[in-house]
Amino acid sequence: MKTVKIGKSDVTTVPLGLGTNAVGGHNLFPNLSDQTGIEIVKTALDSGITLLDTAFAYGMGESEKLIGEAIKDYDRSKIQIATKGCQKVQSDGSVVIDDSPEYLKQCVEDSLKRLQTDYLDIFYIHFPDDHTPLNESVAALNEMKKAGKIRAIGVSNMSMDQLKQANLDGLVDIDEEEYNLIDRSAEKERFPYLKEHDISFVPFFPLASGLLTGKYSKETKFPEDDIRHDNPDFKGKEFEKIVDKVDQLKPIADKHDATIAQIVLAWYIKNPDITVVIPGAKKPEQVKSNAKALDINLTHAEYDQINTLFK
């Protein structure tokens, strides 16, 4: 199976991972089952997916704990675990962002315990705070890297200026930001910078909250208590325009005996600017379906057709 390298590190992985915010992320989604979460992780590993992308913020440590349980019967050396930290829970229950070197080191240690592992393949600064020089935050993570506790240094939710400050000493290996066929703003300035500095890129929200799966029609409406209700991409002319473009992917999907979602994931896998794509899943069946994208090899013409359609 094809593998990809993470930045300047020695971490290699399969180009399709698993986003695990619905594994233990009780603060993000209603009615999650811990047992289903464990099954989701095991299904991913059994389907050829090797990168598990989690974060302290997913259930305030619960996602990490469930993953630690789920991987006990697997060969750790064949699994890549990426996690994120920076959220500090105060005595009153409120949460602040803290990228201080001391706290990030503590985040790494705490994640290791919850995941029941000796090392993390990737550790991301999940969000920037508004006062710590980010190159100092990264320098602290580099100390943890030298100590063998993490293998690659990542950043997430960073503006271009913040990314450049974080990478002042050339130590950042990977950047995880929002990007998909609908929101392609990263292509203008971010992708050239990442390529120049040998930094890998991971897009989150690759299926745009379902918009790129082909499961909506122009008549689909979202209730007021649905987070998509107020998203401009999910209503009016913009929604209809996107649905129309997604529908045009059906002939390509039919040719490959695939779903539209699998074709979109295959497009990311073929994209030279993307290292790993990490769709999430709330059910094991979704993981199995997503994993089939690894077996789809789009032709150059098909890749270019999709690229142009959503340009």
C-alpha atoms as a PDB file:
ATOM      1  CA  MET A   1       0.000   0.000   0.000  1.00  0.00           C
ATOM      2  CA  LYS A   2       1.182   3.536  -0.783  1.00  0.00           C
ATOM      3  CA  THR A   3       2.715   5.394   2.161  1.00  0.00           C
ATOM      4  CA  VAL A   4       3.582   9.049   2.697  1.00  0.00           C
ATOM      5  CA  LYS A   5       6.219  10.775   4.827  1.00  0.00           C
ATOM      6  CA  ILE A   6       5.367  13.399   7.449  1.00  0.00           C
ATOM      7  CA  GLY A   7       7.435  16.547   6.916  1.00  0.00           C
ATOM      8  CA  LYS A   8      11.093  16.272   7.909  1.00  0.00           C
ATOM      9  CA  SER A   9      10.376  13.492  10.406  1.00  0.00           C
ATOM     10  CA  ASP A  10      10.801   9.753   9.977  1.00  0.00           C
ATOM     11  CA  VAL A  11       7.052   9.127  10.399  1.00  0.00           C
ATOM     12  CA  THR A  12       5.387   7.368   7.471  1.00  0.00           C
ATOM     13  CA  THR A  13       1.706   6.543   7.160  1.00  0.00           C
ATOM     14  CA  VAL A  14      -1.067   5.560   4.771  1.00  0.00           C
ATOM     15  CA  PRO A  15      -2.545   8.652   2.999  1.00  0.00           C
ATOM     16  CA  LEU A  16      -6.023   8.078   4.470  1.00  0.00           C
ATOM     17  CA  GLY A  17      -6.429   8.357   8.241  1.00  0.00           C
ATOM     18  CA  LEU A  18      -9.299   8.464  10.709  1.00  0.00           C
ATOM     19  CA  GLY A  19     -10.552  11.639  12.355  1.00  0.00           C
ATOM     20  CA  THR A  20     -11.781  10.607  15.821  1.00  0.00           C
ATOM     21  CA  ASN A  21     -13.776  13.566  17.156  1.00  0.00           C
ATOM     22  CA  ALA A  22     -16.824  11.255  17.275  1.00  0.00           C
ATOM     23  CA  VAL A  23     -14.838   8.695  19.295  1.00  0.00           C
ATOM     24  CA  GLY A  24     -15.421   9.871  22.849  1.00  0.00           C
ATOM     25  CA  GLY A  25     -16.232  13.420  21.780  1.00  0.00           C
ATOM     26  CA  HIS A  26     -19.312  13.663  23.990  1.00  0.00           C
ATOM     27  CA  ASN A  27     -18.847  17.438  24.222  1.00  0.00           C
ATOM     28  CA  LEU A  28     -19.091  17.680  20.413  1.00  0.00           C
ATOM     29  CA  PHE A  29     -21.831  15.202  19.470  1.00  0.00           C
ATOM     30  CA  PRO A  30     -24.950  13.935  21.297  1.00  0.00           C
ATOM     31  CA  ASN A  31     -25.651  10.286  22.062  1.00  0.00           C
ATOM     32  CA  LEU A  32     -22.205   8.826  21.369  1.00  0.00           C
ATOM     33  CA  SER A  33     -21.499   5.261  22.476  1.00  0.00           C
ATOM     34  CA  ASP A  34     -18.024   4.513  23.834  1.00  0.00           C
ATOM     35  CA  GLN A  35     -18.268   0.925  22.595  1.00  0.00           C
ATOM     36  CA  THR A  36     -19.118   2.145  19.090  1.00  0.00           C
ATOM     37  CA  GLY A  37     -16.147   4.506  19.312  1.00  0.00           C
ATOM     38  CA  ILE A  38     -13.819   1.594  20.076  1.00  0.00           C
ATOM     39  CA  GLU A  39     -15.337  -0.382  17.190  1.00  0.00           C
ATOM     40  CA  ILE A  40     -14.764   2.582  14.846  1.00  0.00           C
ATOM     41  CA  VAL A  41     -11.050   2.620  15.712  1.00  0.00           C
ATOM     42  CA  LYS A  42     -10.664  -1.151  15.341  1.00  0.00           C
ATOM     43  CA  THR A  43     -12.555  -1.118  12.030  1.00  0.00           C
ATOM     44  CA  ALA A  44     -10.168   1.550  10.725  1.00  0.00           C
ATOM     45  CA  LEU A  45      -7.101  -0.486  11.677  1.00  0.00           C
ATOM     46  CA  ASP A  46      -8.637  -3.658  10.219  1.00  0.00           C
ATOM     47  CA  SER A  47      -9.384  -1.792   6.960  1.00  0.00           C
ATOM     48  CA  GLY A  48      -5.799  -0.685   6.306  1.00  0.00           C
ATOM     49  CA  ILE A  49      -6.032   2.772   7.903  1.00  0.00           C
ATOM     50  CA  THR A  50      -3.051   3.337  10.213  1.00  0.00           C
ATOM     51  CA  LEU A  51      -3.214   7.021  11.267  1.00  0.00           C
ATOM     52  CA  LEU A  52      -5.566   7.901  14.131  1.00  0.00           C
ATOM     53  CA  ASP A  53      -6.081  11.649  14.546  1.00  0.00           C
ATOM     54  CA  THR A  54      -7.361  12.659  17.975  1.00  0.00           C
ATOM     55  CA  ALA A  55      -7.129  15.546  20.468  1.00  0.00           C
ATOM     56  CA  PHE A  56      -7.548  16.267  24.170  1.00  0.00           C
ATOM     57  CA  ALA A  57     -10.483  18.525  23.200  1.00  0.00           C
ATOM     58  CA  TYR A  58     -12.446  15.526  21.889  1.00  0.00           C
ATOM     59  CA  GLY A  59     -14.238  14.683  25.112  1.00  0.00           C
ATOM     60  CA  MET A  60     -11.531  16.421  27.184  1.00  0.00           C
ATOM     61  CA  GLY A  61      -9.330  13.335  27.103  1.00  0.00           C
ATOM     62  CA  GLU A  62     -12.037  10.696  26.533  1.00  0.00           C
ATOM     63  CA  SER A  63     -11.163  10.142  22.857  1.00  0.00           C
ATOM     64  CA  GLU A  64      -7.523   9.486  23.765  1.00  0.00           C
ATOM     65  CA  LYS A  65      -8.562   7.024  26.496  1.00  0.00           C
ATOM     66  CA  LEU A  66     -10.836   5.070  24.145  1.00  0.00           C
ATOM     67  CA  ILE A  67      -8.124   4.891  21.489  1.00  0.00           C
ATOM     68  CA  GLY A  68      -5.688   3.645  24.140  1.00  0.00           C
ATOM     69  CA  GLU A  69      -8.139   0.841  24.907  1.00  0.00           C
ATOM     70  CA  ALA A  70      -8.896   0.082  21.250  1.00  0.00           C
ATOM     71  CA  ILE A  71      -5.276  -0.395  20.129  1.00  0.00           C
ATOM     72  CA  LYS A  72      -4.204  -2.774  22.930  1.00  0.00           C
ATOM     73  CA  ASP A  73      -4.473  -5.848  20.694  1.00  0.00           C
ATOM     74  CA  TYR A  74      -2.632  -4.261  17.763  1.00  0.00           C
ATOM     75  CA  ASP A  75       1.046  -3.820  16.917  1.00  0.00           C
ATOM     76  CA  ARG A  76       1.784  -0.263  18.107  1.00  0.00           C
ATOM     77  CA  SER A  77       4.701   0.081  15.682  1.00  0.00           C
ATOM     78  CA  LYS A  78       2.262  -0.178  12.759  1.00  0.00           C
ATOM     79  CA  ILE A  79      -0.083   2.530  14.087  1.00  0.00           C
ATOM     80  CA  GLN A  80       0.495   6.285  13.882  1.00  0.00           C
ATOM     81  CA  ILE A  81      -1.176   8.321  16.625  1.00  0.00           C
ATOM     82  CA  ALA A  82      -1.612  12.063  16.169  1.00  0.00           C
ATOM     83  CA  THR A  83      -3.030  14.083  19.034  1.00  0.00           C
ATOM     84  CA  LYS A  84      -3.391  17.754  19.916  1.00  0.00           C
ATOM     85  CA  GLY A  85      -3.251  19.845  23.051  1.00  0.00           C
ATOM     86  CA  CYS A  86      -3.232  23.384  24.514  1.00  0.00           C
ATOM     87  CA  GLN A  87      -6.585  23.532  26.343  1.00  0.00           C
ATOM     88  CA  LYS A  88      -6.195  24.088  30.093  1.00  0.00           C
ATOM     89  CA  VAL A  89      -9.225  23.380  32.282  1.00  0.00           C
ATOM     90  CA  GLN A  90      -9.517  25.932  35.108  1.00  0.00           C
ATOM     91  CA  SER A  91     -10.772  25.215  38.637  1.00  0.00           C
ATOM     92  CA  ASP A  92     -14.162  26.743  37.726  1.00  0.00           C
ATOM     93  CA  GLY A  93     -14.510  24.433  34.706  1.00  0.00           C
ATOM     94  CA  SER A  94     -13.707  27.094  32.108  1.00  0.00           C
ATOM     95  CA  VAL A  95     -11.107  26.369  29.434  1.00  0.00           C
ATOM     96  CA  VAL A  96      -8.237  28.620  28.343  1.00  0.00           C
ATOM     97  CA  ILE A  97      -5.695  28.166  25.558  1.00  0.00           C
ATOM     98  CA  ASP A  98      -2.142  27.846  26.873  1.00  0.00           C
ATOM     99  CA  ASP A  99       0.801  27.339  24.503  1.00  0.00           C
ATOM    100  CA  SER A 100       3.474  27.986  27.129  1.00  0.00           C
ATOM    101  CA  PRO A 101       6.425  25.586  26.791  1.00  0.00           C
ATOM    102  CA  GLU A 102       5.859  24.132  30.267  1.00  0.00           C
ATOM    103  CA  TYR A 103       2.177  23.452  29.671  1.00  0.00           C
ATOM    104  CA  LEU A 104       2.652  21.885  26.227  1.00  0.00           C
ATOM    105  CA  LYS A 105       5.213  19.492  27.694  1.00  0.00           C
ATOM    106  CA  GLN A 106       2.650  18.569  30.343  1.00  0.00           C
ATOM    107  CA  CYS A 107       0.045  18.052  27.584  1.00  0.00           C
ATOM    108  CA  VAL A 108       2.357  15.558  25.884  1.00  0.00           C
ATOM    109  CA  GLU A 109       2.911  13.639  29.135  1.00  0.00           C
ATOM    110  CA  ASP A 110      -0.826  13.566  29.917  1.00  0.00           C
ATOM    111  CA  SER A 111      -1.690  12.361  26.393  1.00  0.00           C
ATOM    112  CA  LEU A 112       0.863   9.560  26.665  1.00  0.00           C
ATOM    113  CA  LYS A 113      -0.821   8.331  29.846  1.00  0.00           C
ATOM    114  CA  ARG A 114      -4.352   8.476  28.433  1.00  0.00           C
ATOM    115  CA  LEU A 115      -3.286   6.703  25.230  1.00  0.00           C
ATOM    116  CA  GLN A 116      -1.226   4.154  27.215  1.00  0.00           C
ATOM    117  CA  THR A 117       1.756   4.522  24.909  1.00  0.00           C
ATOM    118  CA  ASP A 118       5.440   5.480  25.172  1.00  0.00           C
ATOM    119  CA  TYR A 119       5.452   7.916  22.263  1.00  0.00           C
ATOM    120  CA  LEU A 120       3.206  10.002  20.031  1.00  0.00           C
ATOM    121  CA  ASP A 121       3.836   9.950  16.289  1.00  0.00           C
ATOM    122  CA  ILE A 122       2.532  13.513  15.878  1.00  0.00           C
ATOM    123  CA  PHE A 123       1.711  16.136  18.502  1.00  0.00           C
ATOM    124  CA  TYR A 124      -0.060  19.296  17.331  1.00  0.00           C
ATOM    125  CA  ILE A 125      -0.433  22.662  19.013  1.00  0.00           C
ATOM    126  CA  HIS A 126      -4.218  22.630  18.617  1.00  0.00           C
ATOM    127  CA  PHE A 127      -4.798  26.418  18.704  1.00  0.00           C
ATOM    128  CA  PRO A 128      -2.562  29.469  19.091  1.00  0.00           C
ATOM    129  CA  ASP A 129      -2.914  31.484  22.283  1.00  0.00           C
ATOM    130  CA  ASP A 130      -2.615  35.263  22.086  1.00  0.00           C
ATOM    131  CA  HIS A 131       0.622  35.748  24.019  1.00  0.00           C
ATOM    132  CA  THR A 132       3.159  32.905  23.687  1.00  0.00           C
ATOM    133  CA  PRO A 133       5.739  33.261  20.870  1.00  0.00           C
ATOM    134  CA  LEU A 134       4.886  30.184  18.826  1.00  0.00           C
ATOM    135  CA  ASN A 135       8.498  29.370  17.958  1.00  0.00           C
ATOM    136  CA  GLU A 136       9.089  28.962  21.717  1.00  0.00           C
ATOM    137  CA  SER A 137       6.114  26.577  21.891  1.00  0.00           C
ATOM    138  CA  VAL A 138       7.572  24.558  19.011  1.00  0.00           C
ATOM    139  CA  ALA A 139      11.033  24.575  20.631  1.00  0.00           C
ATOM    140  CA  ALA A 140       9.499  22.923  23.705  1.00  0.00           C
ATOM    141  CA  LEU A 141       7.964  20.239  21.510  1.00  0.00           C
ATOM    142  CA  ASN A 142      11.341  19.767  19.852  1.00  0.00           C
ATOM    143  CA  GLU A 143      12.754  18.937  23.290  1.00  0.00           C
ATOM    144  CA  MET A 144      10.072  16.274  23.624  1.00  0.00           C
ATOM    145  CA  LYS A 145      11.014  15.045  20.156  1.00  0.00           C
ATOM    146  CA  LYS A 146      14.669  14.728  21.150  1.00  0.00           C
ATOM    147  CA  ALA A 147      13.550  12.825  24.250  1.00  0.00           C
ATOM    148  CA  GLY A 148      11.703  10.325  22.035  1.00  0.00           C
ATOM    149  CA  LYS A 149       8.261  11.211  23.352  1.00  0.00           C
ATOM    150  CA  ILE A 150       6.994  12.616  20.040  1.00  0.00           C
ATOM    151  CA  ARG A 151       8.192  11.895  16.518  1.00  0.00           C
ATOM    152  CA  ALA A 152       6.794  14.850  14.560  1.00  0.00           C
ATOM    153  CA  ILE A 153       5.728  18.403  15.445  1.00  0.00           C
ATOM    154  CA  GLY A 154       2.433  19.789  14.185  1.00  0.00           C
ATOM    155  CA  VAL A 155       0.414  23.003  14.298  1.00  0.00           C
ATOM    156  CA  SER A 156      -3.280  23.596  13.665  1.00  0.00           C
ATOM    157  CA  ASN A 157      -5.761  26.466  13.309  1.00  0.00           C
ATOM    158  CA  MET A 158      -2.940  28.893  12.476  1.00  0.00           C
ATOM    159  CA  SER A 159      -3.013  31.965  10.255  1.00  0.00           C
ATOM    160  CA  MET A 160      -0.146  32.307   7.806  1.00  0.00           C
ATOM    161  CA  ASP A 161       1.649  34.749  10.117  1.00  0.00           C
ATOM    162  CA  GLN A 162       1.250  32.338  13.038  1.00  0.00           C
ATOM    163  CA  LEU A 163       2.466  29.406  10.944  1.00  0.00           C
ATOM    164  CA  LYS A 164       5.556  31.369   9.910  1.00  0.00           C
ATOM    165  CA  GLN A 165       6.280  32.335  13.518  1.00  0.00           C
ATOM    166  CA  ALA A 166       5.844  28.726  14.665  1.00  0.00           C
ATOM    167  CA  ASN A 167       8.253  27.585  11.943  1.00  0.00           C
ATOM    168  CA  LEU A 168      10.852  30.291  12.589  1.00  0.00           C
ATOM    169  CA  ASP A 169      13.479  27.628  13.339  1.00  0.00           C
ATOM    170  CA  GLY A 170      12.305  25.205  10.640  1.00  0.00           C
ATOM    171  CA  LEU A 171      11.026  22.649  13.158  1.00  0.00           C
ATOM    172  CA  VAL A 172       7.377  22.255  12.085  1.00  0.00           C
ATOM    173  CA  ASP A 173       6.660  18.951  10.300  1.00  0.00           C
ATOM    174  CA  ILE A 174       2.921  19.125   9.647  1.00  0.00           C
ATOM    175  CA  ASP A 175       0.045  21.616   9.439  1.00  0.00           C
ATOM    176  CA  GLU A 176      -3.633  20.682   9.888  1.00  0.00           C
ATOM    177  CA  GLU A 177      -6.161  23.240   8.647  1.00  0.00           C
ATOM    178  CA  GLU A 178      -9.625  23.457   7.149  1.00  0.00           C
ATOM    179  CA  TYR A 179      -9.576  22.700   3.429  1.00  0.00           C
ATOM    180  CA  ASN A 180     -11.896  20.962   1.000  1.00  0.00           C
ATOM    181  CA  LEU A 181     -13.123  21.225  -2.590  1.00  0.00           C
ATOM    182  CA  ILE A 182     -15.491  24.026  -1.550  1.00  0.00           C
ATOM    183  CA  ASP A 183     -13.070  26.027   0.616  1.00  0.00           C
ATOM    184  CA  ARG A 184      -9.758  26.136  -1.278  1.00  0.00           C
ATOM    185  CA  SER A 185      -8.303  29.317   0.234  1.00  0.00           C
ATOM    186  CA  ALA A 186      -5.226  27.412   1.482  1.00  0.00           C
ATOM    187  CA  GLU A 187      -4.019  26.987  -2.109  1.00  0.00           C
ATOM    188  CA  LYS A 188      -3.026  30.617  -2.628  1.00  0.00           C
ATOM    189  CA  GLU A 189      -0.398  31.269   0.032  1.00  0.00           C
ATOM    190  CA  ARG A 190      -0.295  28.298   2.419  1.00  0.00           C
ATOM    191  CA  PHE A 191       0.442  25.458  -0.009  1.00  0.00           C
ATOM    192  CA  PRO A 192       3.461  27.174  -1.638  1.00  0.00           C
ATOM    193  CA  TYR A 193       4.895  27.976   1.826  1.00  0.00           C
ATOM    194  CA  LEU A 194       4.414  24.401   3.072  1.00  0.00           C
ATOM    195  CA  LYS A 195       6.056  22.974  -0.046  1.00  0.00           C
ATOM    196  CA  GLU A 196       9.031  25.330   0.272  1.00  0.00           C
ATOM    197  CA  HIS A 197       9.576  24.354   3.916  1.00  0.00           C
ATOM    198  CA  ASP A 198       8.904  20.598   3.587  1.00  0.00           C
ATOM    199  CA  ILE A 199       5.830  20.733   5.841  1.00  0.00           C
ATOM    200  CA  SER A 200       3.069  18.174   5.309  1.00  0.00           C
ATOM    201  CA  PHE A 201      -0.573  19.215   5.052  1.00  0.00           C
ATOM    202  CA  VAL A 202      -3.663  17.539   6.520  1.00  0.00           C
ATOM    203  CA  PRO A 203      -7.109  18.958   5.707  1.00  0.00           C
ATOM    204  CA  PHE A 204      -9.882  18.769   8.262  1.00  0.00           C
ATOM    205  CA  PHE A 205     -13.582  18.864   7.262  1.00  0.00           C
ATOM    206  CA  PRO A 206     -12.615  17.188   3.936  1.00  0.00           C
ATOM    207  CA  LEU A 207     -16.228  16.227   3.195  1.00  0.00           C
ATOM    208  CA  ALA A 208     -17.548  19.664   4.257  1.00  0.00           C
ATOM    209  CA  SER A 209     -20.013  18.390   6.874  1.00  0.00           C
ATOM    210  CA  GLY A 210     -21.538  16.034   4.318  1.00  0.00           C
ATOM    211  CA  LEU A 211     -21.857  18.538   1.476  1.00  0.00           C
ATOM    212  CA  LEU A 212     -19.347  16.594  -0.630  1.00  0.00           C
ATOM    213  CA  THR A 213     -20.899  13.160  -0.099  1.00  0.00           C
ATOM    214  CA  GLY A 214     -23.772  13.407  -2.583  1.00  0.00           C
ATOM    215  CA  LYS A 215     -26.381  12.692   0.095  1.00  0.00           C
ATOM    216  CA  TYR A 216     -28.173  16.060  -0.225  1.00  0.00           C
ATOM    217  CA  SER A 217     -30.571  17.271  -2.901  1.00  0.00           C
ATOM    218  CA  LYS A 218     -31.454  20.887  -3.694  1.00  0.00           C
ATOM    219  CA  GLU A 219     -34.655  20.394  -1.679  1.00  0.00           C
ATOM    220  CA  THR A 220     -32.834  19.364   1.531  1.00  0.00           C
ATOM    221  CA  LYS A 221     -33.604  21.682   4.445  1.00  0.00           C
ATOM    222  CA  PHE A 222     -31.831  21.874   7.811  1.00  0.00           C
ATOM    223  CA  PRO A 223     -33.775  22.560  11.052  1.00  0.00           C
ATOM    224  CA  GLU A 224     -32.951  25.593  13.187  1.00  0.00           C
ATOM    225  CA  ASP A 225     -31.195  23.504  15.847  1.00  0.00           C
ATOM    226  CA  ASP A 226     -28.843  22.014  13.222  1.00  0.00           C
ATOM    227  CA  ILE A 227     -25.428  23.746  13.082  1.00  0.00           C
ATOM    228  CA  ARG A 228     -25.667  23.722   9.285  1.00  0.00           C
ATOM    229  CA  HIS A 229     -28.821  25.857   9.361  1.00  0.00           C
ATOM    230  CA  ASP A 230     -26.923  29.163   9.514  1.00  0.00           C
ATOM    231  CA  ASN A 231     -24.000  28.109   7.327  1.00  0.00           C
ATOM    232  CA  PRO A 232     -24.249  30.037   4.008  1.00  0.00           C
ATOM    233  CA  ASP A 233     -23.016  26.945   2.113  1.00  0.00           C
ATOM    234  CA  PHE A 234     -26.126  25.076   3.275  1.00  0.00           C
ATOM    235  CA  LYS A 235     -28.852  27.409   2.077  1.00  0.00           C
ATOM    236  CA  GLY A 236     -30.126  29.341  -0.900  1.00  0.00           C
ATOM    237  CA  LYS A 237     -28.413  29.637  -4.264  1.00  0.00           C
ATOM    238  CA  GLU A 238     -24.970  28.737  -2.877  1.00  0.00           C
ATOM    239  CA  PHE A 239     -26.260  25.398  -1.559  1.00  0.00           C
ATOM    240  CA  GLU A 240     -27.979  24.619  -4.862  1.00  0.00           C
ATOM    241  CA  LYS A 241     -24.827  25.473  -6.803  1.00  0.00           C
ATOM    242  CA  ILE A 242     -22.693  23.153  -4.657  1.00  0.00           C
ATOM    243  CA  VAL A 243     -25.216  20.301  -4.872  1.00  0.00           C
ATOM    244  CA  ASP A 244     -25.246  20.688  -8.655  1.00  0.00           C
ATOM    245  CA  LYS A 245     -21.447  20.376  -8.820  1.00  0.00           C
ATOM    246  CA  VAL A 246     -21.427  17.354  -6.507  1.00  0.00           C
ATOM    247  CA  ASP A 247     -24.071  15.660  -8.680  1.00  0.00           C
ATOM    248  CA  GLN A 248     -21.697  15.992 -11.637  1.00  0.00           C
ATOM    249  CA  LEU A 249     -19.290  13.608  -9.866  1.00  0.00           C
ATOM    250  CA  LYS A 250     -21.760  10.718 -10.211  1.00  0.00           C
ATOM    251  CA  PRO A 251     -20.539   9.505 -13.645  1.00  0.00           C
ATOM    252  CA  ILE A 252     -16.973   9.280 -12.290  1.00  0.00           C
ATOM    253  CA  ALA A 253     -18.235   7.432  -9.199  1.00  0.00           C
ATOM    254  CA  ASP A 254     -20.246   5.015 -11.356  1.00  0.00           C
ATOM    255  CA  LYS A 255     -17.208   4.301 -13.518  1.00  0.00           C
ATOM    256  CA  HIS A 256     -15.211   3.287 -10.436  1.00  0.00           C
ATOM    257  CA  ASP A 257     -18.168   1.477  -8.807  1.00  0.00           C
ATOM    258  CA  ALA A 258     -17.747   3.940  -5.936  1.00  0.00           C
ATOM    259  CA  THR A 259     -19.679   6.514  -3.941  1.00  0.00           C
ATOM    260  CA  ILE A 260     -19.250  10.234  -4.491  1.00  0.00           C
ATOM    261  CA  ALA A 261     -17.622  10.528  -1.047  1.00  0.00           C
ATOM    262  CA  GLN A 262     -15.052   7.885  -2.023  1.00  0.00           C
ATOM    263  CA  ILE A 263     -14.272   9.777  -5.243  1.00  0.00           C
ATOM    264  CA  VAL A 264     -13.763  13.039  -3.317  1.00  0.00           C
ATOM    265  CA  LEU A 265     -11.420  11.278  -0.859  1.00  0.00           C
ATOM    266  CA  ALA A 266      -9.540   9.714  -3.790  1.00  0.00           C
ATOM    267  CA  TRP A 267      -9.091  13.228  -5.225  1.00  0.00           C
ATOM    268  CA  TYR A 268      -7.427  14.372  -1.987  1.00  0.00           C
ATOM    269  CA  ILE A 269      -5.219  11.271  -1.940  1.00  0.00           C
ATOM    270  CA  LYS A 270      -4.036  12.075  -5.482  1.00  0.00           C
ATOM    271  CA  ASN A 271      -3.533  15.787  -4.706  1.00  0.00           C
ATOM    272  CA  PRO A 272       0.237  16.461  -4.428  1.00  0.00           C
ATOM    273  CA  ASP A 273      -0.336  19.271  -1.903  1.00  0.00           C
ATOM    274  CA  ILE A 274      -2.113  16.963   0.573  1.00  0.00           C
ATOM    275  CA  THR A 275      -0.248  14.367   2.637  1.00  0.00           C
ATOM    276  CA  VAL A 276      -3.036  12.650   4.582  1.00  0.00           C
ATOM    277  CA  VAL A 277      -6.808  13.116   4.564  1.00  0.00           C
ATOM    278  CA  ILE A 278      -8.648  12.276   7.810  1.00  0.00           C
ATOM    279  CA  PRO A 279     -12.430  11.916   7.378  1.00  0.00           C
ATOM    280  CA  GLY A 280     -14.317  11.277  10.589  1.00  0.00           C
ATOM    281  CA  ALA A 281     -16.989   8.642  11.162  1.00  0.00           C
ATOM    282  CA  LYS A 282     -19.815   7.989  13.614  1.00  0.00           C
ATOM    283  CA  LYS A 283     -20.333   4.375  12.547  1.00  0.00           C
ATOM    284  CA  PRO A 284     -17.936   1.512  11.694  1.00  0.00           C
ATOM    285  CA  GLU A 285     -19.664   1.126   8.298  1.00  0.00           C
ATOM    286  CA  GLN A 286     -18.642   4.678   7.379  1.00  0.00           C
ATOM    287  CA  VAL A 287     -15.015   3.824   8.116  1.00  0.00           C
ATOM    288  CA  LYS A 288     -15.157   0.760   5.858  1.00  0.00           C
ATOM    289  CA  SER A 289     -16.683   2.846   3.096  1.00  0.00           C
ATOM    290  CA  ASN A 290     -14.083   5.613   3.434  1.00  0.00           C
ATOM    291  CA  ALA A 291     -11.232   3.080   3.395  1.00  0.00           C
ATOM    292  CA  LYS A 292     -12.286   1.926  -0.081  1.00  0.00           C
ATOM    293  CA  ALA A 293     -11.028   5.281  -1.393  1.00  0.00           C
ATOM    294  CA  LEU A 294      -7.507   3.878  -0.982  1.00  0.00           C
ATOM    295  CA  ASP A 295      -8.226   1.435  -3.823  1.00  0.00           C
ATOM    296  CA  ILE A 296      -9.491   4.098  -6.262  1.00  0.00           C
ATOM    297  CA  ASN A 297      -6.924   5.395  -8.721  1.00  0.00           C
ATOM    298  CA  LEU A 298      -8.361   8.421 -10.524  1.00  0.00           C
ATOM    299  CA  THR A 299      -6.993   9.069 -14.000  1.00  0.00           C
ATOM    300  CA  HIS A 300      -5.262  12.397 -14.582  1.00  0.00           C
ATOM    301  CA  ALA A 301      -8.245  13.446 -16.692  1.00  0.00           C
ATOM    302  CA  GLU A 302     -10.689  12.634 -13.885  1.00  0.00           C
ATOM    303  CA  TYR A 303      -8.536  14.440 -11.337  1.00  0.00           C
ATOM    304  CA  ASP A 304      -8.368  17.523 -13.562  1.00  0.00           C
ATOM    305  CA  GLN A 305     -12.119  17.380 -14.251  1.00  0.00           C
ATOM    306  CA  ILE A 306     -12.902  17.470 -10.515  1.00  0.00           C
ATOM    307  CA  ASN A 307     -10.277  20.156  -9.961  1.00  0.00           C
ATOM    308  CA  THR A 308     -11.796  22.388 -12.642  1.00  0.00           C
ATOM    309  CA  LEU A 309     -15.374  21.755 -11.538  1.00  0.00           C
ATOM    310  CA  PHE A 310     -14.644  23.103  -8.030  1.00  0.00           C
ATOM    311  CA  LYS A 311     -11.963  25.649  -8.954  1.00  0.00           C
END
